[in-house]
Protein backbone atom coordinates (compact mmCIF):
# COMPACT_ATOMS: atom_id res chain seq x y z
CA UNK A 1 11.92 -65.30 -47.47
CA UNK A 2 13.41 -62.03 -46.32
CA UNK A 3 15.42 -59.95 -48.69
CA UNK A 4 19.20 -60.22 -48.45
CA UNK A 5 20.76 -57.04 -47.09
CA UNK A 6 22.92 -55.13 -49.50
CA UNK A 7 26.39 -55.59 -48.01
CA UNK A 8 29.25 -53.89 -49.73
CA UNK A 9 32.17 -56.08 -50.53
CA UNK A 10 34.53 -53.13 -50.92
CA UNK A 11 37.64 -53.40 -48.83
CA UNK A 12 37.76 -51.09 -45.82
CA UNK A 13 41.39 -50.42 -46.71
CA UNK A 14 40.26 -48.35 -49.64
CA UNK A 15 37.84 -46.33 -47.49
CA UNK A 16 38.82 -42.77 -46.73
CA UNK A 17 38.92 -41.96 -43.01
CA UNK A 18 41.25 -40.55 -40.37
CA UNK A 19 42.81 -43.21 -38.21
CA UNK A 20 42.69 -42.75 -34.44
CA UNK A 21 46.32 -43.79 -34.17
CA UNK A 22 47.38 -41.10 -36.66
CA UNK A 23 45.40 -38.44 -34.81
CA UNK A 24 46.82 -39.47 -31.42
CA UNK A 25 50.36 -39.69 -32.77
CA UNK A 26 50.08 -36.19 -34.23
CA UNK A 27 48.80 -34.89 -30.87
CA UNK A 28 51.62 -36.56 -28.97
CA UNK A 29 54.15 -35.20 -31.46
CA UNK A 30 52.76 -31.69 -30.86
CA UNK A 31 53.02 -32.14 -27.10
CA UNK A 32 56.59 -33.41 -27.41
CA UNK A 33 57.49 -30.45 -29.63
CA UNK A 34 56.03 -27.95 -27.13
CA UNK A 35 57.90 -29.59 -24.24
CA UNK A 36 61.16 -29.53 -26.19
CA UNK A 37 60.64 -25.88 -27.13
CA UNK A 38 60.08 -24.99 -23.46
CA UNK A 39 62.54 -27.43 -21.90
CA UNK A 40 65.06 -24.77 -20.94
CA UNK A 41 62.37 -22.61 -19.33
CA UNK A 42 60.91 -25.55 -17.40
CA UNK A 43 64.34 -26.67 -16.21
CA UNK A 44 65.26 -23.12 -15.19
CA UNK A 45 62.05 -22.72 -13.19
CA UNK A 46 62.77 -26.01 -11.44
CA UNK A 47 66.38 -25.00 -10.66
CA UNK A 48 65.31 -21.58 -9.36
CA UNK A 49 62.67 -23.25 -7.19
CA UNK A 50 65.26 -25.61 -5.75
CA UNK A 51 67.65 -22.74 -5.00
CA UNK A 52 64.84 -20.67 -3.44
CA UNK A 53 63.89 -23.53 -1.16
CA UNK A 54 67.58 -23.97 -0.23
CA UNK A 55 67.78 -20.27 0.64
CA UNK A 56 64.54 -20.39 2.66
CA UNK A 57 65.67 -23.48 4.56
CA UNK A 58 69.03 -21.84 5.33
CA UNK A 59 67.41 -18.56 6.39
CA UNK A 60 64.91 -20.45 8.56
CA UNK A 61 67.74 -22.40 10.14
CA UNK A 62 69.59 -19.18 10.98
CA UNK A 63 66.40 -17.60 12.34
CA UNK A 64 65.75 -20.64 14.50
CA UNK A 65 69.25 -20.48 16.01
CA UNK A 66 68.99 -16.75 16.67
CA UNK A 67 65.48 -16.88 18.09
CA UNK A 68 66.39 -19.81 20.34
CA UNK A 69 69.21 -17.69 21.75
CA UNK A 70 66.85 -14.72 22.31
CA UNK A 71 64.19 -17.02 23.76
CA UNK A 72 66.70 -18.47 26.23
CA UNK A 73 67.72 -14.96 27.25
CA UNK A 74 64.09 -13.87 27.69
CA UNK A 75 63.24 -17.05 29.63
CA UNK A 76 66.11 -16.21 31.96
CA UNK A 77 65.54 -12.46 32.32
CA UNK A 78 61.72 -12.16 32.51
CA UNK A 79 61.39 -13.93 35.89
CA UNK A 80 64.18 -11.73 37.25
CA UNK A 81 62.77 -8.40 36.05
CA UNK A 82 59.31 -9.34 37.31
CA UNK A 83 60.76 -9.27 40.83
CA UNK A 84 62.35 -5.84 40.47
CA UNK A 85 59.94 -3.50 42.28
CA UNK A 86 60.88 -0.20 40.63
CA UNK A 87 60.54 -1.39 37.01
CA UNK A 88 57.60 -0.03 35.11
CA UNK A 89 54.94 -2.62 34.18
CA UNK A 90 55.36 -1.54 30.54
CA UNK A 91 58.91 -2.88 30.52
CA UNK A 92 57.84 -6.21 32.00
CA UNK A 93 54.95 -6.46 29.51
CA UNK A 94 57.29 -5.60 26.62
CA UNK A 95 59.64 -8.40 27.71
CA UNK A 96 56.73 -10.87 27.95
CA UNK A 97 55.47 -9.76 24.52
CA UNK A 98 58.98 -10.25 23.11
CA UNK A 99 58.99 -13.72 24.66
CA UNK A 100 55.67 -14.57 23.01
CA UNK A 101 56.85 -13.13 19.69
CA UNK A 102 60.06 -15.17 19.88
CA UNK A 103 57.99 -18.33 20.32
CA UNK A 104 55.78 -17.41 17.32
CA UNK A 105 58.85 -16.76 15.17
CA UNK A 106 60.41 -20.03 16.30
CA UNK A 107 57.26 -22.04 15.52
CA UNK A 108 56.80 -20.44 12.10
CA UNK A 109 60.48 -20.68 11.18
CA UNK A 110 60.48 -24.37 12.05
CA UNK A 111 57.39 -24.87 9.89
CA UNK A 112 58.92 -22.82 7.04
CA UNK A 113 62.08 -24.90 7.17
CA UNK A 114 60.11 -28.16 6.99
CA UNK A 115 57.91 -26.97 4.11
CA UNK A 116 60.95 -25.64 2.22
CA UNK A 117 62.76 -28.96 2.59
CA UNK A 118 59.69 -30.92 1.46
CA UNK A 119 59.14 -28.64 -1.54
CA UNK A 120 62.83 -28.89 -2.47
CA UNK A 121 62.59 -32.70 -2.40
CA UNK A 122 59.47 -32.57 -4.58
CA UNK A 123 61.14 -30.19 -7.04
CA UNK A 124 64.30 -32.30 -7.21
CA UNK A 125 62.27 -35.43 -7.97
CA UNK A 126 59.88 -33.56 -10.33
CA UNK A 127 56.92 -34.80 -8.27
CA UNK A 128 54.22 -32.47 -9.60
CA UNK A 129 51.39 -34.13 -7.67
CA UNK A 130 53.24 -33.65 -4.39
CA UNK A 131 54.07 -30.04 -5.30
CA UNK A 132 50.38 -29.27 -5.83
CA UNK A 133 49.75 -30.35 -2.26
CA UNK A 134 52.13 -27.73 -0.93
CA UNK A 135 50.27 -24.81 -2.50
CA UNK A 136 47.88 -24.62 0.46
CA UNK A 137 50.71 -25.12 2.96
CA UNK A 138 52.66 -22.24 1.45
CA UNK A 139 49.61 -19.94 1.52
CA UNK A 140 48.99 -20.80 5.17
CA UNK A 141 52.66 -20.29 5.99
CA UNK A 142 52.73 -16.90 4.24
CA UNK A 143 49.64 -15.82 6.18
CA UNK A 144 51.17 -16.95 9.49
CA UNK A 145 54.46 -15.17 8.77
CA UNK A 146 52.56 -12.03 7.82
CA UNK A 147 50.76 -12.21 11.16
CA UNK A 148 54.10 -12.49 12.98
CA UNK A 149 55.51 -9.54 11.02
CA UNK A 150 52.50 -7.41 11.99
CA UNK A 151 53.15 -8.15 15.69
CA UNK A 152 56.63 -6.65 15.39
CA UNK A 153 55.39 -3.10 14.78
């Protein structure tokens, strides 16, 4: 016959150990405390982000209206000045370059307005996952706008 294992009959309730639930509760309480301590800062950052996206969308809208007006003018005038024999080629090229620049500004302003509106919606709904997705879009947009600004020189 095999020996009987020595099994303790002591109650596990009297054993000394840290309960998982206590440890998790303490961690969650710490997280809640940190969020509460920084609530005003988090809310302010969100509100500033919303107002910035409102300003960008408004500015983009104004730029789009202005550039469309300039683009219409250039679309009308460039074919006319191309037919004027005594105009220097530099003037015609400058007008064509301005026409190309107007189109670049229009494209980028339209994109900026769309991104700003999408980011504003994500900020207003506190959709952090969606906001993360716009990080790359904003970097690309900044690079494109920088390229347009360099053409203006």
